[in-house]
Amino acid sequence: MGAVNPLAHLHAEWLGMDSGKTNMALVAHEERGADGIVVSVRHWTLTTGQYYRDSGITRQAHSTKIWLAKVKPQLTALSQSGRHATPCGPRSRKSRWANAKFRLYCGKQRVVASFWSKLIKQAKQWWPGRVLALAYVAAGFSGSGSIGCRGVPVSQMLKEALRQFPAG
């Protein structure tokens, strides 16, 4: 209350962003009337479940589980005989996992970039000709540490937000 906004001369539409465990990104915008009363609130969310599904992490984990179940009897038989061998050659296995890791990396990048580009596209439709400004939460959230929870790519969200909302 009574705070002065140093960027008020921009006449920008401000979007506030907060990250967390359940919602990787929660972006909100309030429209206020001339009297200061909130007229409407728009929000966009990217949940962690949506992130893991759309990036392919969930599908890759499932296919890896199936593949390991198929080769487990062979590996058990080889270990009981005292020999050490792999179900497929070491080079093909390394390239398979390297390709899978790269696909997942690209999928994660694509999901985050898609979220921000859809958000900006919708915001520009609602407020054509207006400058969009992002207020990004400055909390020091590591994204890991809870038992049974996967890490949240907070730095990846910030990097993509900075790319989509250029300074100036």
Protein backbone atom coordinates (compact mmCIF):
# COMPACT_ATOMS: atom_id res chain seq x y z
CA MET A 1 0.00 0.00 0.00
CA GLY A 2 1.38 3.38 -0.96
CA ALA A 3 4.49 1.88 -2.62
CA VAL A 4 5.79 3.66 -5.69
CA ASN A 5 6.38 1.58 -8.77
CA PRO A 6 9.53 2.83 -10.54
CA LEU A 7 8.32 1.28 -13.80
CA ALA A 8 4.83 2.80 -13.75
CA HIS A 9 5.68 5.00 -16.74
CA LEU A 10 5.76 1.86 -18.93
CA HIS A 11 1.99 1.40 -18.61
CA ALA A 12 2.71 -2.31 -18.71
CA GLU A 13 0.50 -5.29 -17.97
CA TRP A 14 2.19 -6.98 -15.02
CA LEU A 15 2.25 -10.77 -14.72
CA GLY A 16 3.32 -12.28 -11.41
CA MET A 17 5.09 -15.66 -11.44
CA ASP A 18 5.65 -18.08 -8.55
CA SER A 19 7.11 -21.59 -8.68
CA GLY A 20 6.58 -24.52 -6.35
CA LYS A 21 6.35 -28.31 -6.09
CA THR A 22 2.82 -28.84 -7.40
CA ASN A 23 2.69 -25.94 -9.82
CA MET A 24 6.04 -25.45 -11.49
CA ALA A 25 4.78 -22.12 -12.73
CA LEU A 26 1.79 -20.18 -11.54
CA VAL A 27 1.45 -16.89 -13.43
CA ALA A 28 -1.33 -14.48 -12.52
CA HIS A 29 -2.60 -11.09 -13.68
CA GLU A 30 -5.08 -8.86 -11.88
CA GLU A 31 -7.18 -6.27 -13.67
CA ARG A 32 -8.31 -3.46 -11.43
CA GLY A 33 -10.93 -0.85 -12.03
CA ALA A 34 -10.38 2.90 -11.64
CA ASP A 35 -11.44 2.63 -8.00
CA GLY A 36 -8.76 -0.02 -7.30
CA ILE A 37 -11.14 -2.96 -6.92
CA VAL A 38 -10.10 -6.21 -8.62
CA VAL A 39 -12.27 -6.70 -11.71
CA SER A 40 -10.84 -9.99 -12.95
CA VAL A 41 -7.95 -12.37 -12.39
CA ARG A 42 -6.35 -14.45 -15.12
CA HIS A 43 -3.90 -17.23 -14.35
CA TRP A 44 -1.83 -19.82 -16.16
CA THR A 45 -0.31 -22.93 -14.57
CA LEU A 46 2.22 -25.54 -15.53
CA THR A 47 1.91 -28.47 -13.13
CA THR A 48 4.74 -30.88 -12.46
CA GLY A 49 2.60 -33.77 -13.71
CA GLN A 50 1.95 -31.96 -16.97
CA TYR A 51 5.69 -31.20 -17.26
CA TYR A 52 6.71 -34.84 -16.75
CA ARG A 53 4.01 -36.18 -19.09
CA ASP A 54 4.52 -33.70 -21.92
CA SER A 55 8.33 -33.88 -21.83
CA GLY A 56 8.30 -37.68 -22.14
CA ILE A 57 9.83 -38.47 -18.74
CA THR A 58 6.87 -40.56 -17.62
CA ARG A 59 6.78 -42.52 -20.89
CA GLN A 60 10.56 -43.13 -20.80
CA ALA A 61 10.43 -44.36 -17.21
CA HIS A 62 7.66 -46.80 -18.14
CA SER A 63 9.49 -48.14 -21.21
CA THR A 64 12.72 -48.49 -19.21
CA LYS A 65 10.88 -50.47 -16.55
CA ILE A 66 9.45 -52.81 -19.21
CA TRP A 67 12.84 -53.25 -20.89
CA LEU A 68 14.56 -54.05 -17.60
CA ALA A 69 11.84 -56.58 -16.73
CA LYS A 70 12.49 -58.37 -20.05
CA VAL A 71 16.27 -58.64 -19.58
CA LYS A 72 16.25 -59.37 -15.83
CA PRO A 73 16.02 -63.18 -16.25
CA GLN A 74 18.98 -63.13 -18.65
CA LEU A 75 21.05 -60.98 -16.29
CA THR A 76 20.16 -63.21 -13.33
CA ALA A 77 21.19 -66.34 -15.24
CA LEU A 78 24.48 -64.76 -16.29
CA SER A 79 25.28 -63.58 -12.76
CA GLN A 80 24.59 -67.05 -11.32
CA SER A 81 26.94 -68.64 -13.87
CA GLY A 82 29.71 -66.30 -12.74
CA ARG A 83 30.07 -64.60 -16.10
CA HIS A 84 29.66 -60.90 -16.64
CA ALA A 85 27.85 -59.91 -19.79
CA THR A 86 25.31 -57.37 -20.91
CA PRO A 87 22.10 -58.12 -22.80
CA CYS A 88 23.25 -55.92 -25.64
CA GLY A 89 26.67 -54.62 -26.60
CA PRO A 90 28.16 -51.88 -24.46
CA ARG A 91 28.31 -49.39 -27.34
CA SER A 92 24.70 -49.86 -28.37
CA ARG A 93 23.58 -49.61 -24.75
CA LYS A 94 25.52 -46.38 -24.19
CA SER A 95 24.21 -44.79 -27.36
CA ARG A 96 20.67 -45.90 -26.53
CA TRP A 97 20.78 -44.25 -23.09
CA ALA A 98 22.58 -41.18 -24.42
CA ASN A 99 19.90 -40.71 -27.08
CA ALA A 100 17.15 -41.20 -24.49
CA LYS A 101 18.72 -38.64 -22.15
CA PHE A 102 19.05 -36.14 -24.98
CA ARG A 103 15.43 -36.68 -26.05
CA LEU A 104 14.29 -36.05 -22.47
CA TYR A 105 16.45 -32.93 -22.21
CA CYS A 106 14.96 -31.55 -25.44
CA GLY A 107 11.45 -32.51 -24.32
CA LYS A 108 11.85 -30.62 -21.04
CA GLN A 109 13.14 -27.55 -22.87
CA ARG A 110 10.24 -27.75 -25.33
CA VAL A 111 7.56 -27.97 -22.60
CA VAL A 112 8.88 -24.93 -20.73
CA ALA A 113 9.32 -22.87 -23.92
CA SER A 114 5.82 -23.86 -25.08
CA PHE A 115 4.29 -22.78 -21.76
CA TRP A 116 5.84 -19.31 -21.93
CA SER A 117 5.09 -18.80 -25.62
CA LYS A 118 1.41 -19.78 -25.17
CA LEU A 119 1.15 -17.46 -22.17
CA ILE A 120 2.64 -14.52 -24.08
CA LYS A 121 0.48 -15.20 -27.14
CA GLN A 122 -2.72 -15.17 -25.05
CA ALA A 123 -1.61 -12.10 -23.10
CA LYS A 124 -0.91 -10.19 -26.32
CA GLN A 125 -4.37 -11.10 -27.60
CA TRP A 126 -5.98 -9.68 -24.43
CA TRP A 127 -3.78 -6.58 -24.26
CA PRO A 128 -2.65 -5.72 -27.79
CA GLY A 129 -0.15 -2.91 -28.00
CA ARG A 130 0.66 -3.07 -24.27
CA VAL A 131 4.06 -3.88 -22.83
CA LEU A 132 4.14 -7.16 -20.89
CA ALA A 133 6.23 -7.17 -17.73
CA LEU A 134 6.99 -10.18 -15.55
CA ALA A 135 7.42 -10.04 -11.77
CA TYR A 136 9.34 -13.23 -11.03
CA VAL A 137 9.52 -14.43 -7.41
CA ALA A 138 13.04 -14.16 -6.02
CA ALA A 139 12.81 -17.02 -3.52
CA GLY A 140 15.75 -19.35 -3.09
CA PHE A 141 13.92 -22.60 -3.81
CA SER A 142 16.18 -25.59 -4.45
CA GLY A 143 13.41 -27.75 -5.92
CA SER A 144 14.52 -30.90 -4.13
CA GLY A 145 14.77 -32.22 -0.64
CA SER A 146 11.28 -33.56 0.01
CA ILE A 147 11.00 -37.31 0.33
CA GLY A 148 9.28 -38.83 -2.70
CA CYS A 149 9.27 -35.60 -4.72
CA ARG A 150 11.13 -34.94 -7.91
CA GLY A 151 13.11 -31.77 -8.38
CA VAL A 152 11.55 -28.73 -10.00
CA PRO A 153 13.64 -27.03 -12.70
CA VAL A 154 13.43 -23.54 -11.20
CA SER A 155 16.52 -22.24 -13.01
CA GLN A 156 15.22 -23.58 -16.34
CA MET A 157 11.92 -21.74 -15.83
CA LEU A 158 13.79 -18.52 -15.01
CA LYS A 159 16.12 -18.79 -18.02
CA GLU A 160 13.21 -19.33 -20.40
CA ALA A 161 11.23 -16.48 -18.81
CA LEU A 162 14.20 -14.17 -19.32
CA ARG A 163 14.45 -15.31 -22.93
CA GLN A 164 10.73 -14.75 -23.59
CA PHE A 165 10.55 -11.42 -21.69
CA PRO A 166 13.60 -9.49 -22.93
CA ALA A 167 14.86 -6.65 -20.77
CA GLY A 168 13.88 -3.14 -21.76
